[in-house]
Protein backbone atom coordinates (compact mmCIF):
# COMPACT_ATOMS: atom_id res chain seq x y z
CA MET A 1 -27.76 22.64 -38.82
CA LEU A 2 -26.90 18.97 -38.96
CA LYS A 3 -26.66 17.11 -35.71
CA VAL A 4 -23.38 16.64 -33.86
CA ALA A 5 -23.57 13.54 -31.67
CA HIS A 6 -23.40 14.11 -27.94
CA ARG A 7 -20.73 11.42 -27.55
CA GLY A 8 -18.36 13.49 -29.68
CA ARG A 9 -18.69 16.53 -27.46
CA ILE A 10 -16.05 15.41 -25.00
CA PRO A 11 -13.30 17.62 -23.60
CA PRO A 12 -10.00 17.72 -25.48
CA PHE A 13 -6.92 15.84 -24.36
CA ILE A 14 -5.21 19.14 -23.58
CA VAL A 15 -1.66 17.82 -23.77
CA MET A 16 -2.23 17.13 -27.47
CA ASP A 17 -3.33 20.73 -27.94
CA VAL A 18 -0.15 21.83 -26.16
CA MET A 19 1.94 19.56 -28.38
CA ARG A 20 0.34 21.05 -31.47
CA ALA A 21 1.18 24.56 -30.29
CA ALA A 22 4.72 23.47 -29.44
CA ASN A 23 5.16 21.87 -32.86
CA GLU A 24 3.91 25.02 -34.56
CA ARG A 25 6.45 27.09 -32.64
CA GLU A 26 9.16 24.55 -33.35
CA SER A 27 8.50 24.67 -37.09
CA SER A 28 8.96 28.44 -37.13
CA ARG A 29 11.57 29.02 -34.41
CA GLY A 30 13.13 25.63 -33.72
CA ASP A 31 13.78 26.25 -30.03
CA VAL A 32 11.20 24.06 -28.29
CA ILE A 33 12.02 21.71 -25.42
CA HIS A 34 9.24 19.13 -25.25
CA LEU A 35 8.41 18.48 -21.61
CA GLU A 36 4.68 18.22 -22.27
CA VAL A 37 4.19 14.68 -23.57
CA GLY A 38 5.08 11.28 -22.13
CA GLN A 39 7.07 10.33 -25.19
CA PRO A 40 10.57 8.93 -24.65
CA SER A 41 13.14 10.72 -26.79
CA THR A 42 15.08 7.49 -27.31
CA GLY A 43 12.89 5.77 -29.90
CA ALA A 44 12.32 2.03 -30.20
CA PRO A 45 15.08 -0.39 -29.16
CA ARG A 46 17.48 -1.44 -31.91
CA GLY A 47 16.26 -5.03 -31.80
CA VAL A 48 12.70 -3.87 -32.48
CA VAL A 49 13.78 -1.78 -35.46
CA GLU A 50 15.80 -4.70 -36.88
CA ALA A 51 12.83 -7.03 -36.43
CA ALA A 52 10.63 -4.54 -38.28
CA ARG A 53 13.09 -4.49 -41.19
CA ARG A 54 13.04 -8.29 -41.34
CA ALA A 55 9.25 -8.32 -41.24
CA LEU A 56 9.06 -5.87 -44.14
CA GLY A 57 11.04 -8.28 -46.25
CA SER A 58 9.41 -11.52 -45.19
CA HIS A 59 5.73 -10.84 -44.40
CA THR A 60 2.86 -9.59 -46.50
CA LEU A 61 1.67 -7.58 -43.48
CA GLY A 62 -1.97 -8.38 -43.94
CA TYR A 63 -4.57 -8.68 -41.22
CA THR A 64 -3.78 -10.79 -38.17
CA ASP A 65 -6.03 -12.47 -35.63
CA SER A 66 -7.99 -9.77 -33.87
CA LEU A 67 -6.35 -10.57 -30.54
CA GLY A 68 -2.85 -10.54 -32.03
CA ILE A 69 -0.26 -12.85 -33.55
CA PRO A 70 0.51 -16.00 -31.51
CA ALA A 71 4.24 -15.21 -31.23
CA LEU A 72 3.56 -11.87 -29.54
CA ARG A 73 0.90 -13.20 -27.20
CA ASP A 74 3.31 -15.98 -26.21
CA ALA A 75 6.06 -13.41 -25.60
CA ILE A 76 3.75 -11.34 -23.38
CA ALA A 77 2.84 -14.43 -21.34
CA ALA A 78 6.56 -15.20 -20.94
CA HIS A 79 7.13 -11.60 -19.79
CA TYR A 80 4.71 -12.12 -16.90
CA ARG A 81 6.47 -15.33 -15.91
CA ASP A 82 9.89 -13.68 -16.04
CA TRP A 83 9.07 -10.34 -14.40
CA TYR A 84 6.35 -11.17 -11.94
CA GLY A 85 6.38 -14.96 -11.51
CA VAL A 86 2.74 -14.96 -12.69
CA GLU A 87 1.23 -17.45 -15.13
CA VAL A 88 -1.14 -15.71 -17.53
CA PRO A 89 -2.99 -17.95 -20.00
CA VAL A 90 -2.25 -16.86 -23.57
CA GLY A 91 -5.96 -17.07 -24.31
CA ARG A 92 -6.58 -14.15 -21.95
CA ILE A 93 -4.07 -11.86 -23.69
CA ALA A 94 -5.27 -9.39 -26.30
CA VAL A 95 -2.83 -7.29 -28.30
CA THR A 96 -4.36 -3.85 -28.84
CA THR A 97 -3.85 -0.68 -30.85
CA GLY A 98 -1.96 1.04 -28.08
CA SER A 99 -3.22 1.15 -24.53
CA SER A 100 -5.92 3.45 -25.93
CA GLY A 101 -7.39 0.51 -27.82
CA GLY A 102 -7.21 -1.48 -24.62
CA PHE A 103 -9.24 1.12 -22.75
CA VAL A 104 -11.87 1.25 -25.50
CA LEU A 105 -12.24 -2.54 -25.63
CA SER A 106 -12.21 -2.91 -21.86
CA PHE A 107 -14.73 -0.18 -21.11
CA LEU A 108 -17.13 -1.34 -23.84
CA SER A 109 -16.95 -4.98 -22.77
CA ALA A 110 -17.19 -4.44 -19.01
CA PHE A 111 -19.54 -1.48 -18.55
CA ASP A 112 -22.94 -0.35 -19.81
CA PRO A 113 -24.23 3.20 -20.29
CA GLY A 114 -25.15 4.62 -16.91
CA ASP A 115 -22.62 2.52 -14.99
CA ARG A 116 -20.41 4.35 -12.50
CA VAL A 117 -16.64 3.94 -12.79
CA ALA A 118 -14.32 5.61 -10.31
CA THR A 119 -10.95 7.13 -11.06
CA VAL A 120 -8.74 9.40 -9.00
CA ALA A 121 -7.88 13.02 -9.75
CA PRO A 122 -5.31 14.10 -10.67
CA GLY A 123 -5.33 11.32 -13.23
CA TYR A 124 -5.11 10.48 -16.91
CA PRO A 125 -7.84 12.56 -18.59
CA CYS A 126 -8.66 10.02 -21.29
CA TYR A 127 -10.21 7.69 -18.70
CA ARG A 128 -13.03 10.07 -17.93
CA ASN A 129 -13.29 11.35 -21.51
CA ILE A 130 -13.59 7.87 -23.05
CA LEU A 131 -16.02 6.77 -20.34
CA GLY A 132 -18.12 9.88 -20.96
CA ALA A 133 -18.19 9.26 -24.71
CA PHE A 134 -19.63 5.80 -24.02
CA GLY A 135 -22.32 7.11 -21.65
CA ILE A 136 -20.54 5.69 -18.61
CA GLU A 137 -20.39 8.01 -15.60
CA PRO A 138 -16.86 8.84 -14.40
CA VAL A 139 -16.83 9.16 -10.62
CA ILE A 140 -13.93 11.40 -9.60
CA LEU A 141 -12.15 10.59 -6.35
CA GLU A 142 -10.20 13.61 -5.12
CA GLY A 143 -6.72 12.37 -4.33
CA SER A 144 -4.55 14.17 -1.81
CA PRO A 145 -0.86 14.39 -0.96
CA ALA A 146 -1.58 12.44 2.22
CA ASP A 147 -2.82 9.53 0.09
CA ARG A 148 -0.08 10.02 -2.51
CA TYR A 149 -2.80 11.00 -5.01
CA GLN A 150 -4.01 7.40 -5.13
CA PRO A 151 -7.44 5.93 -4.35
CA THR A 152 -8.03 4.50 -0.89
CA PRO A 153 -10.71 2.25 0.56
CA ALA A 154 -12.05 5.27 2.46
CA LEU A 155 -12.47 7.30 -0.74
CA LEU A 156 -14.09 4.29 -2.40
CA ASP A 157 -16.45 3.75 0.54
CA ALA A 158 -17.63 7.34 0.27
CA ALA A 159 -18.23 7.13 -3.49
CA HIS A 160 -19.86 3.70 -3.26
CA GLY A 161 -22.14 4.97 -0.49
CA GLU A 162 -23.52 7.71 -2.75
CA ALA A 163 -24.45 5.13 -5.40
CA PRO A 164 -22.95 1.72 -6.16
CA LEU A 165 -19.79 1.70 -8.23
CA ASP A 166 -19.42 -0.69 -11.14
CA GLY A 167 -15.72 -0.19 -11.77
CA LEU A 168 -12.48 1.38 -10.60
CA ILE A 169 -9.48 2.43 -12.68
CA VAL A 170 -6.13 2.55 -10.91
CA ALA A 171 -2.80 3.61 -12.39
CA SER A 172 0.41 2.68 -10.61
CA PRO A 173 2.82 4.26 -11.46
CA SER A 174 0.45 7.14 -11.98
CA ASN A 175 0.16 9.74 -14.67
CA PRO A 176 0.60 12.64 -13.84
CA THR A 177 1.94 12.29 -10.32
CA GLY A 178 4.31 9.34 -10.72
CA THR A 179 3.19 7.80 -7.44
CA VAL A 180 3.27 4.03 -6.94
CA LEU A 181 0.97 1.93 -4.78
CA GLY A 182 2.88 -0.49 -2.59
CA ALA A 183 1.92 -4.14 -2.55
CA GLU A 184 -0.17 -3.88 0.63
CA ALA A 185 -2.14 -0.81 -0.51
CA PHE A 186 -2.60 -2.26 -3.97
CA ARG A 187 -4.00 -5.49 -2.59
CA ALA A 188 -6.32 -3.60 -0.21
CA ILE A 189 -7.89 -1.82 -3.18
CA SER A 190 -8.14 -5.04 -5.16
CA ASP A 191 -9.78 -6.78 -2.20
CA TRP A 192 -12.21 -3.88 -1.78
CA CYS A 193 -13.30 -4.30 -5.40
CA ALA A 194 -13.57 -8.08 -5.19
CA ALA A 195 -15.72 -7.92 -2.04
CA ARG A 196 -18.21 -5.60 -3.74
CA GLN A 197 -18.10 -7.07 -7.26
CA VAL A 198 -16.60 -3.86 -8.63
CA ARG A 199 -14.55 -4.42 -11.80
CA PHE A 200 -10.91 -3.52 -11.16
CA VAL A 201 -9.08 -1.98 -14.14
CA SER A 202 -5.33 -1.73 -13.57
CA ASP A 203 -3.43 0.65 -15.86
CA GLU A 204 0.15 -0.65 -15.78
CA ILE A 205 1.61 1.15 -18.78
CA TYR A 206 4.46 2.63 -16.73
CA HIS A 207 5.56 -0.69 -15.26
CA GLY A 208 9.31 -1.05 -15.52
CA ILE A 209 9.82 2.66 -14.85
CA THR A 210 10.17 2.88 -11.07
CA TYR A 211 12.91 4.27 -8.86
CA GLY A 212 12.40 2.09 -5.82
CA GLU A 213 10.33 -1.04 -5.38
CA PRO A 214 8.70 -2.40 -8.57
CA ALA A 215 4.97 -1.89 -8.95
CA PRO A 216 2.77 -4.97 -8.33
CA THR A 217 0.57 -6.29 -11.11
CA ALA A 218 -3.11 -7.05 -10.74
CA ALA A 219 -2.54 -10.08 -12.94
CA GLY A 220 -1.10 -11.89 -9.93
CA ILE A 221 -3.84 -10.84 -7.52
CA ASP A 222 -7.28 -10.82 -9.12
CA PRO A 223 -8.27 -13.05 -12.07
CA ASP A 224 -11.29 -10.80 -12.64
CA ALA A 225 -9.17 -7.66 -13.03
CA ILE A 226 -8.51 -6.06 -16.40
CA VAL A 227 -4.81 -5.28 -16.85
CA ILE A 228 -3.76 -2.78 -19.49
CA ASN A 229 -0.18 -2.24 -20.64
CA SER A 230 1.65 -0.74 -23.57
CA PHE A 231 4.85 -0.84 -25.58
CA SER A 232 4.90 2.97 -25.58
CA LYS A 233 6.65 3.82 -22.32
CA TYR A 234 9.21 1.30 -21.02
CA PHE A 235 9.87 0.04 -24.55
CA SER A 236 9.89 3.57 -26.07
CA MET A 237 7.50 2.64 -28.90
CA THR A 238 4.90 5.43 -28.76
CA GLY A 239 4.33 5.80 -32.50
CA TRP A 240 4.10 2.05 -33.11
CA ARG A 241 0.65 2.17 -31.48
CA LEU A 242 0.75 -1.18 -29.75
CA GLY A 243 -0.32 -2.37 -26.33
CA TRP A 244 -1.87 -5.36 -24.65
CA THR A 245 -4.67 -6.25 -22.26
CA ILE A 246 -5.05 -9.19 -19.91
CA ILE A 247 -8.75 -9.97 -20.00
CA PRO A 248 -10.85 -11.87 -17.45
CA GLN A 249 -12.13 -15.10 -18.92
CA ASP A 250 -15.74 -13.88 -18.92
CA LEU A 251 -14.82 -10.95 -21.21
CA VAL A 252 -12.54 -12.70 -23.73
CA ARG A 253 -15.15 -13.33 -26.41
CA ALA A 254 -16.72 -9.89 -25.95
CA VAL A 255 -13.34 -8.21 -26.38
CA GLU A 256 -12.58 -10.34 -29.41
CA CYS A 257 -15.87 -9.45 -31.12
CA LEU A 258 -15.42 -5.77 -30.34
CA ALA A 259 -11.85 -5.87 -31.67
CA GLN A 260 -12.98 -7.58 -34.86
CA ASN A 261 -15.53 -4.87 -35.54
CA LEU A 262 -13.71 -1.78 -34.30
CA PHE A 263 -10.08 -2.44 -35.28
CA ILE A 264 -10.00 -5.72 -37.29
CA SER A 265 -6.49 -6.27 -35.90
CA PRO A 266 -3.66 -4.35 -34.28
CA PRO A 267 -0.89 -2.90 -36.53
CA THR A 268 0.76 -5.94 -38.12
CA LEU A 269 4.27 -4.57 -38.62
CA SER A 270 4.33 -3.33 -35.03
CA GLN A 271 3.29 -6.77 -33.77
CA HIS A 272 6.08 -8.61 -35.55
CA ALA A 273 8.60 -6.05 -34.37
CA ALA A 274 7.37 -6.06 -30.77
CA VAL A 275 8.18 -9.74 -30.30
CA ALA A 276 11.81 -8.62 -30.15
CA ALA A 277 11.12 -5.96 -27.51
CA PHE A 278 11.32 -8.49 -24.69
CA ASP A 279 14.94 -9.23 -25.66
CA CYS A 280 15.88 -5.55 -25.41
CA HIS A 281 15.79 -5.03 -21.66
CA ASP A 282 19.43 -3.86 -21.46
CA GLU A 283 18.66 -0.95 -23.75
CA CYS A 284 15.43 -0.19 -21.93
CA GLU A 285 17.20 -0.24 -18.58
CA ALA A 286 19.77 2.21 -19.98
CA ASN A 287 16.86 4.50 -20.86
CA LEU A 288 15.60 4.14 -17.30
CA GLU A 289 18.94 5.44 -16.04
CA VAL A 290 18.49 8.52 -18.22
CA TYR A 291 15.07 9.13 -16.65
CA ARG A 292 16.60 8.64 -13.22
CA ARG A 293 19.27 11.27 -13.92
CA ASN A 294 16.71 13.67 -15.36
CA ARG A 295 14.47 13.19 -12.35
CA ALA A 296 17.35 13.96 -9.98
CA LEU A 297 18.26 17.10 -11.94
CA LEU A 298 14.71 18.41 -11.78
CA LEU A 299 14.18 17.53 -8.12
CA ASP A 300 17.35 19.48 -7.36
CA GLY A 301 16.84 22.37 -9.80
CA LEU A 302 13.11 23.10 -9.85
CA PRO A 303 12.80 24.33 -6.23
CA ALA A 304 15.44 26.96 -6.95
CA VAL A 305 13.21 28.47 -9.65
CA GLY A 306 9.99 28.43 -7.65
CA PHE A 307 8.62 24.93 -8.30
CA ASP A 308 9.05 23.60 -4.79
CA ARG A 309 5.81 21.68 -4.16
CA LEU A 310 6.15 18.42 -6.05
CA ALA A 311 4.27 15.13 -5.81
CA PRO A 312 6.45 12.15 -4.82
CA ALA A 313 7.70 10.75 -8.12
CA ASP A 314 8.17 7.03 -7.43
CA GLY A 315 7.81 6.01 -11.07
CA ALA A 316 6.85 7.00 -14.61
CA PHE A 317 8.67 10.08 -15.91
CA TYR A 318 6.67 13.05 -14.66
CA LEU A 319 6.81 15.62 -11.90
CA TYR A 320 3.48 17.10 -10.84
CA ALA A 321 3.86 20.56 -9.34
CA ASP A 322 1.57 22.65 -7.20
CA ILE A 323 2.03 26.16 -8.63
CA ALA A 324 -0.58 27.98 -6.55
CA GLY A 325 2.13 30.41 -5.46
CA LEU A 326 2.81 31.30 -9.10
CA THR A 327 -0.60 31.31 -10.79
CA ASP A 328 -4.27 30.43 -10.54
CA ASP A 329 -4.51 29.77 -14.30
CA SER A 330 -2.31 26.86 -15.30
CA ARG A 331 -3.36 27.00 -18.96
CA GLU A 332 -2.30 30.63 -19.27
CA PHE A 333 0.88 29.97 -17.27
CA CYS A 334 1.97 27.03 -19.45
CA ALA A 335 1.11 28.93 -22.64
CA ARG A 336 3.17 31.90 -21.47
CA MET A 337 6.07 29.62 -20.55
CA LEU A 338 6.01 28.12 -24.03
CA ASN A 339 5.81 31.54 -25.66
CA GLU A 340 8.53 33.16 -23.57
CA THR A 341 10.97 30.27 -23.03
CA GLY A 342 10.20 27.61 -25.64
CA ILE A 343 9.55 25.06 -22.86
CA ALA A 344 6.36 23.05 -23.38
CA THR A 345 4.61 21.70 -20.28
CA THR A 346 1.07 20.54 -19.51
CA PRO A 347 -1.45 22.48 -17.41
CA GLY A 348 -2.96 20.61 -14.50
CA VAL A 349 -6.53 21.17 -15.67
CA ASP A 350 -5.95 18.31 -18.09
CA PHE A 351 -5.60 15.93 -15.14
CA ASP A 352 -7.80 17.57 -12.51
CA PRO A 353 -10.52 19.92 -13.82
CA ALA A 354 -11.48 21.01 -10.30
CA ARG A 355 -8.04 21.81 -8.85
CA GLY A 356 -5.65 21.69 -11.78
CA HIS A 357 -5.83 25.47 -12.36
CA ALA A 358 -2.98 25.65 -9.81
CA GLN A 359 -1.03 22.58 -10.94
CA MET A 360 1.14 21.53 -13.87
CA ARG A 361 2.95 18.44 -15.16
CA ILE A 362 6.55 18.32 -16.34
CA SER A 363 7.72 15.30 -18.34
CA TYR A 364 11.36 14.30 -18.06
CA CYS A 365 11.73 11.55 -20.65
CA ALA A 366 13.58 13.98 -22.95
CA SER A 367 17.37 13.86 -23.23
CA THR A 368 19.45 14.94 -20.24
CA ALA A 369 20.85 17.80 -22.34
CA ALA A 370 17.29 19.03 -22.92
CA ILE A 371 16.54 18.90 -19.18
CA GLU A 372 19.69 20.87 -18.39
CA THR A 373 18.82 23.49 -21.00
CA ALA A 374 15.26 23.72 -19.68
CA LEU A 375 16.53 24.42 -16.16
CA GLU A 376 18.82 27.15 -17.49
CA ARG A 377 15.96 28.79 -19.36
CA LEU A 378 13.64 28.54 -16.36
CA ALA A 379 16.26 30.16 -14.14
CA ARG A 380 16.54 33.12 -16.51
CA TRP A 381 12.75 33.33 -16.88
CA ARG A 382 11.98 33.20 -13.18
CA ASN A 383 14.81 35.46 -12.09
């Protein structure tokens, strides 16, 4: 038999398997409610779509600079001034093929095979899967409700004491729990990394989607941090496959060379359209109100149907449920829910291989009507 490279033998991103199963059911029965993926049902803002139409008529849509078109990099820098009061040099901004491209470029430029990079569980599975594909060791910090499922200096001390860490990935707001690190806790983690020369990677793709205090950005705290963001969530542009990364000065050329070779450039049409996204905040804020209503509906309705142990959802658009009282096999439970109710959700083993067998994630960025229907179906199913 021909060889299959070890780096390709990584675990699946289970939510994509769930989405495939949900799409297959939808094509035959048409009754699926998609609560499995973090994909806003609203689509891109109108201004973005109009800008894309103009670009189709006025641009050849060839390759761009590997780090992105100047107009978009300028707009991203202005976004940091307007939202955070932070000055980010345009030269440190890289437009990427989604946040996924940002992770690939960041991990390859900052870490070598054998390096140890910490991330908390439950957490986004692609961190550990991408790291593993590159020969970088993911170090899993077991988050707890007491710590709001976020890393703490104590957890980091324990991991660093076993063997030195080379990096830390933090997501605030978090996927899947939706928890947000406050400014003081966020700075304590950043300071911990800086004191030990541990590269701090801040995943900020859910910024703008919070229900209390806004999440702080590492761009205003640590010039050596890598900041990753995306147009997919707040701007509802998942399929446009566009994100950005704020790169430390010492990594700019490395990221540029990697981008040239791996991607050539980010999607050109998406770049021209995304310049308009920063003028569409009213529409995006209206979407946020939909998420807020959906969140309130689920927080009120889920306990009545047996989902009464939920992580504090400060941001993003997910509820993470402890379902130990209902099952010890979250994959089977979610598959049965899809089969019997048409509601697609994600088993917790995607986010926490060790403990996720008794956990699940519910996304609420669908329409409010879909959330209401889902609660009605769950009530019939559970009762």
